[in-house]
Amino acid sequence: FYYLRRRVNVWGDLIRIRYGEKPSDSPYAWEYMKQYVQVMATYFDGFRLDNCHGTQLNVARYMVKQARLSNPNVIIFAELFTDTDEEKALFVRSIGINSVLK
């Protein structure tokens, strides 16, 4: 309901990481998360991208690519609350999402 009305929900257990536009903007964050994603992709067959609509496309694209380098068959599920179907399609095509969760 809140997402549909675009009301802001404050979640106390979440933080927004400032990745920047490319790895050189925040090398530690990019490298740490890259290694984490690659290791997790060796243990799990799929990931759920929670709040995918709130994630920078460049970051999501890069991390999914890293996961697929470790496990080419990894399945990507994404929670996408977007304003339009076109915007949702942009996320799906750009990131390589296999399934959208509603």
PDB file of N, CA and C in Angstrom:
ATOM      1  N   PHE A   1       0.823  -1.192   0.000  1.00  0.00           N
ATOM      2  CA  PHE A   1       0.000   0.000   0.000  1.00  0.00           C
ATOM      3  C   PHE A   1       0.868   1.257   0.000  1.00  0.00           C
ATOM      4  N   TYR A   2       1.878   1.300   0.864  1.00  0.00           N
ATOM      5  CA  TYR A   2       2.739   2.484   0.945  1.00  0.00           C
ATOM      6  C   TYR A   2       3.528   2.702  -0.344  1.00  0.00           C
ATOM      7  N   TYR A   3       3.992   1.598  -0.960  1.00  0.00           N
ATOM      8  CA  TYR A   3       4.732   1.745  -2.206  1.00  0.00           C
ATOM      9  C   TYR A   3       3.832   2.287  -3.313  1.00  0.00           C
ATOM     10  N   LEU A   4       2.581   1.834  -3.345  1.00  0.00           N
ATOM     11  CA  LEU A   4       1.673   2.296  -4.380  1.00  0.00           C
ATOM     12  C   LEU A   4       1.372   3.775  -4.248  1.00  0.00           C
ATOM     13  N   ARG A   5       1.314   4.269  -3.038  1.00  0.00           N
ATOM     14  CA  ARG A   5       1.042   5.698  -2.813  1.00  0.00           C
ATOM     15  C   ARG A   5       2.327   6.514  -2.727  1.00  0.00           C
ATOM     16  N   ARG A   6       3.461   5.846  -2.852  1.00  0.00           N
ATOM     17  CA  ARG A   6       4.773   6.486  -2.811  1.00  0.00           C
ATOM     18  C   ARG A   6       5.043   7.204  -1.496  1.00  0.00           C
ATOM     19  N   ARG A   7       4.562   6.622  -0.416  1.00  0.00           N
ATOM     20  CA  ARG A   7       4.882   7.161   0.903  1.00  0.00           C
ATOM     21  C   ARG A   7       6.222   6.580   1.337  1.00  0.00           C
ATOM     22  N   VAL A   8       6.959   7.347   2.081  1.00  0.00           N
ATOM     23  CA  VAL A   8       8.272   6.905   2.524  1.00  0.00           C
ATOM     24  C   VAL A   8       8.121   6.085   3.801  1.00  0.00           C
ATOM     25  N   ASN A   9       8.735   4.941   3.800  1.00  0.00           N
ATOM     26  CA  ASN A   9       8.783   4.092   4.979  1.00  0.00           C
ATOM     27  C   ASN A   9      10.208   4.125   5.504  1.00  0.00           C
ATOM     28  N   VAL A  10      10.400   4.389   6.743  1.00  0.00           N
ATOM     29  CA  VAL A  10      11.732   4.405   7.324  1.00  0.00           C
ATOM     30  C   VAL A  10      12.017   3.025   7.905  1.00  0.00           C
ATOM     31  N   TRP A  11      13.017   2.377   7.347  1.00  0.00           N
ATOM     32  CA  TRP A  11      13.409   1.054   7.816  1.00  0.00           C
ATOM     33  C   TRP A  11      14.682   1.224   8.639  1.00  0.00           C
ATOM     34  N   GLY A  12      14.644   0.832   9.889  1.00  0.00           N
ATOM     35  CA  GLY A  12      15.776   1.012  10.781  1.00  0.00           C
ATOM     36  C   GLY A  12      16.921   0.062  10.536  1.00  0.00           C
ATOM     37  N   ASP A  13      16.683  -1.009   9.756  1.00  0.00           N
ATOM     38  CA  ASP A  13      17.734  -2.000   9.551  1.00  0.00           C
ATOM     39  C   ASP A  13      18.385  -1.896   8.166  1.00  0.00           C
ATOM     40  N   LEU A  14      18.151  -0.817   7.468  1.00  0.00           N
ATOM     41  CA  LEU A  14      18.715  -0.642   6.134  1.00  0.00           C
ATOM     42  C   LEU A  14      19.594   0.598   6.062  1.00  0.00           C
ATOM     43  N   ILE A  15      20.593   0.510   5.211  1.00  0.00           N
ATOM     44  CA  ILE A  15      21.421   1.678   4.922  1.00  0.00           C
ATOM     45  C   ILE A  15      21.583   1.777   3.409  1.00  0.00           C
ATOM     46  N   ARG A  16      21.830   2.954   2.921  1.00  0.00           N
ATOM     47  CA  ARG A  16      22.088   3.146   1.492  1.00  0.00           C
ATOM     48  C   ARG A  16      23.590   3.352   1.329  1.00  0.00           C
ATOM     49  N   ILE A  17      24.203   2.490   0.547  1.00  0.00           N
ATOM     50  CA  ILE A  17      25.635   2.579   0.298  1.00  0.00           C
ATOM     51  C   ILE A  17      25.862   3.518  -0.884  1.00  0.00           C
ATOM     52  N   ARG A  18      26.782   4.415  -0.737  1.00  0.00           N
ATOM     53  CA  ARG A  18      27.106   5.358  -1.810  1.00  0.00           C
ATOM     54  C   ARG A  18      28.205   4.752  -2.684  1.00  0.00           C
ATOM     55  N   TYR A  19      27.781   4.037  -3.700  1.00  0.00           N
ATOM     56  CA  TYR A  19      28.725   3.382  -4.601  1.00  0.00           C
ATOM     57  C   TYR A  19      29.349   4.358  -5.592  1.00  0.00           C
ATOM     58  N   GLY A  20      28.601   5.361  -5.975  1.00  0.00           N
ATOM     59  CA  GLY A  20      29.039   6.226  -7.062  1.00  0.00           C
ATOM     60  C   GLY A  20      28.668   5.598  -8.391  1.00  0.00           C
ATOM     61  N   GLU A  21      29.265   6.099  -9.445  1.00  0.00           N
ATOM     62  CA  GLU A  21      28.934   5.620 -10.789  1.00  0.00           C
ATOM     63  C   GLU A  21      29.814   4.470 -11.265  1.00  0.00           C
ATOM     64  N   LYS A  22      31.000   4.347 -10.690  1.00  0.00           N
ATOM     65  CA  LYS A  22      31.937   3.314 -11.140  1.00  0.00           C
ATOM     66  C   LYS A  22      32.796   2.869  -9.958  1.00  0.00           C
ATOM     67  N   PRO A  23      33.426   1.695 -10.075  1.00  0.00           N
ATOM     68  CA  PRO A  23      34.216   1.165  -8.957  1.00  0.00           C
ATOM     69  C   PRO A  23      35.263   2.124  -8.395  1.00  0.00           C
ATOM     70  N   SER A  24      35.859   2.952  -9.225  1.00  0.00           N
ATOM     71  CA  SER A  24      36.889   3.867  -8.712  1.00  0.00           C
ATOM     72  C   SER A  24      36.304   4.968  -7.820  1.00  0.00           C
ATOM     73  N   ASP A  25      34.981   5.160  -7.847  1.00  0.00           N
ATOM     74  CA  ASP A  25      34.346   6.163  -6.988  1.00  0.00           C
ATOM     75  C   ASP A  25      34.309   5.725  -5.521  1.00  0.00           C
ATOM     76  N   SER A  26      34.256   4.424  -5.302  1.00  0.00           N
ATOM     77  CA  SER A  26      34.228   3.872  -3.942  1.00  0.00           C
ATOM     78  C   SER A  26      34.817   2.461  -3.990  1.00  0.00           C
ATOM     79  N   PRO A  27      36.115   2.369  -4.186  1.00  0.00           N
ATOM     80  CA  PRO A  27      36.761   1.073  -4.450  1.00  0.00           C
ATOM     81  C   PRO A  27      36.491   0.012  -3.388  1.00  0.00           C
ATOM     82  N   TYR A  28      36.523   0.399  -2.111  1.00  0.00           N
ATOM     83  CA  TYR A  28      36.332  -0.596  -1.053  1.00  0.00           C
ATOM     84  C   TYR A  28      34.938  -1.206  -1.124  1.00  0.00           C
ATOM     85  N   ALA A  29      33.913  -0.375  -1.278  1.00  0.00           N
ATOM     86  CA  ALA A  29      32.536  -0.883  -1.319  1.00  0.00           C
ATOM     87  C   ALA A  29      32.324  -1.800  -2.512  1.00  0.00           C
ATOM     88  N   TRP A  30      32.780  -1.387  -3.684  1.00  0.00           N
ATOM     89  CA  TRP A  30      32.608  -2.201  -4.888  1.00  0.00           C
ATOM     90  C   TRP A  30      33.344  -3.539  -4.756  1.00  0.00           C
ATOM     91  N   GLU A  31      34.575  -3.503  -4.299  1.00  0.00           N
ATOM     92  CA  GLU A  31      35.375  -4.734  -4.195  1.00  0.00           C
ATOM     93  C   GLU A  31      34.812  -5.670  -3.131  1.00  0.00           C
ATOM     94  N   TYR A  32      34.445  -5.121  -1.999  1.00  0.00           N
ATOM     95  CA  TYR A  32      33.898  -5.950  -0.917  1.00  0.00           C
ATOM     96  C   TYR A  32      32.614  -6.647  -1.370  1.00  0.00           C
ATOM     97  N   MET A  33      31.707  -5.889  -1.961  1.00  0.00           N
ATOM     98  CA  MET A  33      30.438  -6.460  -2.404  1.00  0.00           C
ATOM     99  C   MET A  33      30.632  -7.412  -3.575  1.00  0.00           C
ATOM    100  N   LYS A  34      31.575  -7.125  -4.448  1.00  0.00           N
ATOM    101  CA  LYS A  34      31.876  -8.028  -5.563  1.00  0.00           C
ATOM    102  C   LYS A  34      32.308  -9.392  -5.034  1.00  0.00           C
ATOM    103  N   GLN A  35      33.235  -9.383  -4.078  1.00  0.00           N
ATOM    104  CA  GLN A  35      33.711 -10.640  -3.503  1.00  0.00           C
ATOM    105  C   GLN A  35      32.583 -11.376  -2.786  1.00  0.00           C
ATOM    106  N   TYR A  36      31.766 -10.653  -2.049  1.00  0.00           N
ATOM    107  CA  TYR A  36      30.635 -11.248  -1.331  1.00  0.00           C
ATOM    108  C   TYR A  36      29.667 -11.913  -2.306  1.00  0.00           C
ATOM    109  N   VAL A  37      29.312 -11.206  -3.363  1.00  0.00           N
ATOM    110  CA  VAL A  37      28.370 -11.724  -4.359  1.00  0.00           C
ATOM    111  C   VAL A  37      28.946 -12.964  -5.041  1.00  0.00           C
ATOM    112  N   GLN A  38      30.213 -12.932  -5.385  1.00  0.00           N
ATOM    113  CA  GLN A  38      30.824 -14.081  -6.051  1.00  0.00           C
ATOM    114  C   GLN A  38      30.847 -15.314  -5.151  1.00  0.00           C
ATOM    115  N   VAL A  39      31.168 -15.129  -3.890  1.00  0.00           N
ATOM    116  CA  VAL A  39      31.172 -16.263  -2.958  1.00  0.00           C
ATOM    117  C   VAL A  39      29.753 -16.803  -2.765  1.00  0.00           C
ATOM    118  N   MET A  40      28.797 -15.920  -2.555  1.00  0.00           N
ATOM    119  CA  MET A  40      27.406 -16.363  -2.350  1.00  0.00           C
ATOM    120  C   MET A  40      26.865 -17.096  -3.572  1.00  0.00           C
ATOM    121  N   ALA A  41      27.297 -16.685  -4.763  1.00  0.00           N
ATOM    122  CA  ALA A  41      26.834 -17.341  -5.991  1.00  0.00           C
ATOM    123  C   ALA A  41      27.380 -18.761  -6.113  1.00  0.00           C
ATOM    124  N   THR A  42      28.461 -19.054  -5.403  1.00  0.00           N
ATOM    125  CA  THR A  42      28.960 -20.428  -5.422  1.00  0.00           C
ATOM    126  C   THR A  42      28.172 -21.320  -4.462  1.00  0.00           C
ATOM    127  N   TYR A  43      27.520 -20.725  -3.469  1.00  0.00           N
ATOM    128  CA  TYR A  43      26.753 -21.484  -2.482  1.00  0.00           C
ATOM    129  C   TYR A  43      25.268 -21.588  -2.812  1.00  0.00           C
ATOM    130  N   PHE A  44      24.732 -20.591  -3.486  1.00  0.00           N
ATOM    131  CA  PHE A  44      23.294 -20.525  -3.737  1.00  0.00           C
ATOM    132  C   PHE A  44      22.995 -20.510  -5.233  1.00  0.00           C
ATOM    133  N   ASP A  45      21.844 -21.058  -5.583  1.00  0.00           N
ATOM    134  CA  ASP A  45      21.415 -21.115  -6.982  1.00  0.00           C
ATOM    135  C   ASP A  45      20.641 -19.877  -7.413  1.00  0.00           C
ATOM    136  N   GLY A  46      20.306 -19.005  -6.467  1.00  0.00           N
ATOM    137  CA  GLY A  46      19.545 -17.823  -6.824  1.00  0.00           C
ATOM    138  C   GLY A  46      19.632 -16.751  -5.760  1.00  0.00           C
ATOM    139  N   PHE A  47      19.276 -15.539  -6.182  1.00  0.00           N
ATOM    140  CA  PHE A  47      19.248 -14.383  -5.286  1.00  0.00           C
ATOM    141  C   PHE A  47      17.919 -13.656  -5.439  1.00  0.00           C
ATOM    142  N   ARG A  48      17.485 -13.048  -4.366  1.00  0.00           N
ATOM    143  CA  ARG A  48      16.345 -12.133  -4.409  1.00  0.00           C
ATOM    144  C   ARG A  48      16.899 -10.730  -4.201  1.00  0.00           C
ATOM    145  N   LEU A  49      16.650  -9.858  -5.158  1.00  0.00           N
ATOM    146  CA  LEU A  49      17.084  -8.470  -5.044  1.00  0.00           C
ATOM    147  C   LEU A  49      15.955  -7.681  -4.392  1.00  0.00           C
ATOM    148  N   ASP A  50      16.039  -7.564  -3.088  1.00  0.00           N
ATOM    149  CA  ASP A  50      15.037  -6.820  -2.333  1.00  0.00           C
ATOM    150  C   ASP A  50      15.182  -5.336  -2.646  1.00  0.00           C
ATOM    151  N   ASN A  51      14.051  -4.654  -2.816  1.00  0.00           N
ATOM    152  CA  ASN A  51      14.070  -3.213  -3.094  1.00  0.00           C
ATOM    153  C   ASN A  51      14.904  -2.895  -4.337  1.00  0.00           C
ATOM    154  N   CYS A  52      14.809  -3.744  -5.326  1.00  0.00           N
ATOM    155  CA  CYS A  52      15.607  -3.569  -6.547  1.00  0.00           C
ATOM    156  C   CYS A  52      15.349  -2.215  -7.192  1.00  0.00           C
ATOM    157  N   HIS A  53      14.132  -1.744  -7.117  1.00  0.00           N
ATOM    158  CA  HIS A  53      13.767  -0.455  -7.705  1.00  0.00           C
ATOM    159  C   HIS A  53      14.493   0.707  -7.038  1.00  0.00           C
ATOM    160  N   GLY A  54      15.039   0.490  -5.855  1.00  0.00           N
ATOM    161  CA  GLY A  54      15.774   1.527  -5.150  1.00  0.00           C
ATOM    162  C   GLY A  54      17.280   1.381  -5.278  1.00  0.00           C
ATOM    163  N   THR A  55      17.721   0.465  -6.128  1.00  0.00           N
ATOM    164  CA  THR A  55      19.142   0.203  -6.326  1.00  0.00           C
ATOM    165  C   THR A  55      19.597   0.855  -7.628  1.00  0.00           C
ATOM    166  N   GLN A  56      20.780   1.429  -7.603  1.00  0.00           N
ATOM    167  CA  GLN A  56      21.331   2.020  -8.816  1.00  0.00           C
ATOM    168  C   GLN A  56      21.464   0.932  -9.882  1.00  0.00           C
ATOM    169  N   LEU A  57      21.007   1.207 -11.096  1.00  0.00           N
ATOM    170  CA  LEU A  57      21.095   0.220 -12.177  1.00  0.00           C
ATOM    171  C   LEU A  57      22.531  -0.211 -12.448  1.00  0.00           C
ATOM    172  N   ASN A  58      23.458   0.737 -12.431  1.00  0.00           N
ATOM    173  CA  ASN A  58      24.846   0.391 -12.717  1.00  0.00           C
ATOM    174  C   ASN A  58      25.407  -0.573 -11.672  1.00  0.00           C
ATOM    175  N   VAL A  59      25.013  -0.417 -10.435  1.00  0.00           N
ATOM    176  CA  VAL A  59      25.485  -1.296  -9.364  1.00  0.00           C
ATOM    177  C   VAL A  59      24.845  -2.680  -9.512  1.00  0.00           C
ATOM    178  N   ALA A  60      23.545  -2.721  -9.718  1.00  0.00           N
ATOM    179  CA  ALA A  60      22.851  -4.002  -9.864  1.00  0.00           C
ATOM    180  C   ALA A  60      23.388  -4.777 -11.063  1.00  0.00           C
ATOM    181  N   ARG A  61      23.583  -4.090 -12.183  1.00  0.00           N
ATOM    182  CA  ARG A  61      24.136  -4.742 -13.389  1.00  0.00           C
ATOM    183  C   ARG A  61      25.497  -5.363 -13.092  1.00  0.00           C
ATOM    184  N   TYR A  62      26.348  -4.586 -12.458  1.00  0.00           N
ATOM    185  CA  TYR A  62      27.707  -5.047 -12.163  1.00  0.00           C
ATOM    186  C   TYR A  62      27.700  -6.245 -11.216  1.00  0.00           C
ATOM    187  N   MET A  63      26.909  -6.174 -10.169  1.00  0.00           N
ATOM    188  CA  MET A  63      26.898  -7.256  -9.179  1.00  0.00           C
ATOM    189  C   MET A  63      26.284  -8.537  -9.736  1.00  0.00           C
ATOM    190  N   VAL A  64      25.244  -8.412 -10.544  1.00  0.00           N
ATOM    191  CA  VAL A  64      24.662  -9.606 -11.166  1.00  0.00           C
ATOM    192  C   VAL A  64      25.668 -10.226 -12.132  1.00  0.00           C
ATOM    193  N   LYS A  65      26.391  -9.385 -12.859  1.00  0.00           N
ATOM    194  CA  LYS A  65      27.433  -9.897 -13.757  1.00  0.00           C
ATOM    195  C   LYS A  65      28.486 -10.673 -12.962  1.00  0.00           C
ATOM    196  N   GLN A  66      28.880 -10.128 -11.807  1.00  0.00           N
ATOM    197  CA  GLN A  66      29.871 -10.804 -10.964  1.00  0.00           C
ATOM    198  C   GLN A  66      29.336 -12.139 -10.445  1.00  0.00           C
ATOM    199  N   ALA A  67      28.064 -12.166 -10.067  1.00  0.00           N
ATOM    200  CA  ALA A  67      27.458 -13.415  -9.597  1.00  0.00           C
ATOM    201  C   ALA A  67      27.481 -14.456 -10.706  1.00  0.00           C
ATOM    202  N   ARG A  68      27.184 -14.034 -11.922  1.00  0.00           N
ATOM    203  CA  ARG A  68      27.128 -14.979 -13.042  1.00  0.00           C
ATOM    204  C   ARG A  68      28.513 -15.411 -13.506  1.00  0.00           C
ATOM    205  N   LEU A  69      29.536 -14.672 -13.158  1.00  0.00           N
ATOM    206  CA  LEU A  69      30.892 -15.145 -13.426  1.00  0.00           C
ATOM    207  C   LEU A  69      31.213 -16.345 -12.531  1.00  0.00           C
ATOM    208  N   SER A  70      30.680 -16.336 -11.310  1.00  0.00           N
ATOM    209  CA  SER A  70      30.891 -17.447 -10.374  1.00  0.00           C
ATOM    210  C   SER A  70      29.936 -18.600 -10.632  1.00  0.00           C
ATOM    211  N   ASN A  71      28.711 -18.271 -11.053  1.00  0.00           N
ATOM    212  CA  ASN A  71      27.682 -19.282 -11.279  1.00  0.00           C
ATOM    213  C   ASN A  71      26.822 -18.817 -12.455  1.00  0.00           C
ATOM    214  N   PRO A  72      27.154 -19.255 -13.665  1.00  0.00           N
ATOM    215  CA  PRO A  72      26.430 -18.790 -14.855  1.00  0.00           C
ATOM    216  C   PRO A  72      24.929 -19.098 -14.828  1.00  0.00           C
ATOM    217  N   ASN A  73      24.519 -20.050 -14.018  1.00  0.00           N
ATOM    218  CA  ASN A  73      23.114 -20.444 -13.962  1.00  0.00           C
ATOM    219  C   ASN A  73      22.351 -19.823 -12.797  1.00  0.00           C
ATOM    220  N   VAL A  74      22.948 -18.869 -12.105  1.00  0.00           N
ATOM    221  CA  VAL A  74      22.283 -18.257 -10.957  1.00  0.00           C
ATOM    222  C   VAL A  74      20.986 -17.580 -11.425  1.00  0.00           C
ATOM    223  N   ILE A  75      19.932 -17.750 -10.648  1.00  0.00           N
ATOM    224  CA  ILE A  75      18.630 -17.180 -10.959  1.00  0.00           C
ATOM    225  C   ILE A  75      18.467 -15.900 -10.150  1.00  0.00           C
ATOM    226  N   ILE A  76      17.977 -14.849 -10.805  1.00  0.00           N
ATOM    227  CA  ILE A  76      17.808 -13.555 -10.156  1.00  0.00           C
ATOM    228  C   ILE A  76      16.322 -13.220 -10.076  1.00  0.00           C
ATOM    229  N   PHE A  77      15.822 -13.134  -8.851  1.00  0.00           N
ATOM    230  CA  PHE A  77      14.462 -12.683  -8.574  1.00  0.00           C
ATOM    231  C   PHE A  77      14.572 -11.239  -8.093  1.00  0.00           C
ATOM    232  N   ALA A  78      13.601 -10.413  -8.429  1.00  0.00           N
ATOM    233  CA  ALA A  78      13.683  -9.015  -8.011  1.00  0.00           C
ATOM    234  C   ALA A  78      12.329  -8.496  -7.564  1.00  0.00           C
ATOM    235  N   GLU A  79      12.350  -7.741  -6.472  1.00  0.00           N
ATOM    236  CA  GLU A  79      11.180  -7.000  -6.012  1.00  0.00           C
ATOM    237  C   GLU A  79      11.229  -5.656  -6.733  1.00  0.00           C
ATOM    238  N   LEU A  80      10.231  -5.418  -7.593  1.00  0.00           N
ATOM    239  CA  LEU A  80      10.205  -4.183  -8.383  1.00  0.00           C
ATOM    240  C   LEU A  80       8.874  -3.476  -8.222  1.00  0.00           C
ATOM    241  N   PHE A  81       8.897  -2.341  -7.581  1.00  0.00           N
ATOM    242  CA  PHE A  81       7.724  -1.476  -7.509  1.00  0.00           C
ATOM    243  C   PHE A  81       8.059  -0.231  -8.315  1.00  0.00           C
ATOM    244  N   THR A  82       7.635  -0.220  -9.559  1.00  0.00           N
ATOM    245  CA  THR A  82       7.925   0.895 -10.453  1.00  0.00           C
ATOM    246  C   THR A  82       6.628   1.571 -10.873  1.00  0.00           C
ATOM    247  N   ASP A  83       6.757   2.769 -11.428  1.00  0.00           N
ATOM    248  CA  ASP A  83       5.575   3.520 -11.852  1.00  0.00           C
ATOM    249  C   ASP A  83       4.954   2.987 -13.137  1.00  0.00           C
ATOM    250  N   THR A  84       5.792   2.428 -14.014  1.00  0.00           N
ATOM    251  CA  THR A  84       5.292   1.975 -15.307  1.00  0.00           C
ATOM    252  C   THR A  84       5.856   0.604 -15.662  1.00  0.00           C
ATOM    253  N   ASP A  85       5.179  -0.068 -16.581  1.00  0.00           N
ATOM    254  CA  ASP A  85       5.684  -1.345 -17.079  1.00  0.00           C
ATOM    255  C   ASP A  85       6.982  -1.148 -17.859  1.00  0.00           C
ATOM    256  N   GLU A  86       7.100  -0.005 -18.522  1.00  0.00           N
ATOM    257  CA  GLU A  86       8.320   0.288 -19.275  1.00  0.00           C
ATOM    258  C   GLU A  86       9.526   0.389 -18.339  1.00  0.00           C
ATOM    259  N   GLU A  87       9.321   1.021 -17.196  1.00  0.00           N
ATOM    260  CA  GLU A  87      10.409   1.135 -16.220  1.00  0.00           C
ATOM    261  C   GLU A  87      10.773  -0.232 -15.663  1.00  0.00           C
ATOM    262  N   LYS A  88       9.776  -1.047 -15.401  1.00  0.00           N
ATOM    263  CA  LYS A  88      10.020  -2.409 -14.922  1.00  0.00           C
ATOM    264  C   LYS A  88      10.809  -3.192 -15.980  1.00  0.00           C
ATOM    265  N   ALA A  89      10.418  -3.064 -17.245  1.00  0.00           N
ATOM    266  CA  ALA A  89      11.112  -3.755 -18.330  1.00  0.00           C
ATOM    267  C   ALA A  89      12.564  -3.296 -18.435  1.00  0.00           C
ATOM    268  N   LEU A  90      12.816  -2.012 -18.184  1.00  0.00           N
ATOM    269  CA  LEU A  90      14.184  -1.496 -18.205  1.00  0.00           C
ATOM    270  C   LEU A  90      15.046  -2.214 -17.174  1.00  0.00           C
ATOM    271  N   PHE A  91      14.531  -2.367 -15.959  1.00  0.00           N
ATOM    272  CA  PHE A  91      15.265  -3.085 -14.918  1.00  0.00           C
ATOM    273  C   PHE A  91      15.511  -4.533 -15.327  1.00  0.00           C
ATOM    274  N   VAL A  92      14.476  -5.199 -15.815  1.00  0.00           N
ATOM    275  CA  VAL A  92      14.589  -6.614 -16.185  1.00  0.00           C
ATOM    276  C   VAL A  92      15.644  -6.808 -17.269  1.00  0.00           C
ATOM    277  N   ARG A  93      15.558  -6.018 -18.337  1.00  0.00           N
ATOM    278  CA  ARG A  93      16.510  -6.141 -19.452  1.00  0.00           C
ATOM    279  C   ARG A  93      17.923  -5.722 -19.041  1.00  0.00           C
ATOM    280  N   SER A  94      18.027  -4.635 -18.336  1.00  0.00           N
ATOM    281  CA  SER A  94      19.324  -4.054 -18.013  1.00  0.00           C
ATOM    282  C   SER A  94      20.125  -4.916 -17.032  1.00  0.00           C
ATOM    283  N   ILE A  95      19.438  -5.453 -16.044  1.00  0.00           N
ATOM    284  CA  ILE A  95      20.115  -6.217 -14.989  1.00  0.00           C
ATOM    285  C   ILE A  95      20.239  -7.692 -15.348  1.00  0.00           C
ATOM    286  N   GLY A  96      19.256  -8.206 -16.077  1.00  0.00           N
ATOM    287  CA  GLY A  96      19.235  -9.635 -16.383  1.00  0.00           C
ATOM    288  C   GLY A  96      18.429 -10.411 -15.369  1.00  0.00           C
ATOM    289  N   ILE A  97      17.301  -9.857 -14.971  1.00  0.00           N
ATOM    290  CA  ILE A  97      16.417 -10.476 -13.976  1.00  0.00           C
ATOM    291  C   ILE A  97      15.648 -11.620 -14.620  1.00  0.00           C
ATOM    292  N   ASN A  98      15.556 -12.744 -13.911  1.00  0.00           N
ATOM    293  CA  ASN A  98      14.815 -13.896 -14.409  1.00  0.00           C
ATOM    294  C   ASN A  98      13.333 -13.854 -14.049  1.00  0.00           C
ATOM    295  N   SER A  99      13.014 -13.270 -12.891  1.00  0.00           N
ATOM    296  CA  SER A  99      11.622 -13.266 -12.434  1.00  0.00           C
ATOM    297  C   SER A  99      11.389 -12.072 -11.533  1.00  0.00           C
ATOM    298  N   VAL A 100      10.203 -11.476 -11.664  1.00  0.00           N
ATOM    299  CA  VAL A 100       9.831 -10.328 -10.843  1.00  0.00           C
ATOM    300  C   VAL A 100       8.862 -10.771  -9.775  1.00  0.00           C
ATOM    301  N   LEU A 101       9.147 -10.392  -8.534  1.00  0.00           N
ATOM    302  CA  LEU A 101       8.263 -10.681  -7.397  1.00  0.00           C
ATOM    303  C   LEU A 101       7.389  -9.466  -7.143  1.00  0.00           C
ATOM    304  N   LYS A 102       6.122  -9.710  -6.881  1.00  0.00           N
ATOM    305  CA  LYS A 102       5.207  -8.595  -6.612  1.00  0.00           C
ATOM    306  C   LYS A 102       4.835  -8.578  -5.162  1.00  0.00           C
TER     307      LYS A 102
END
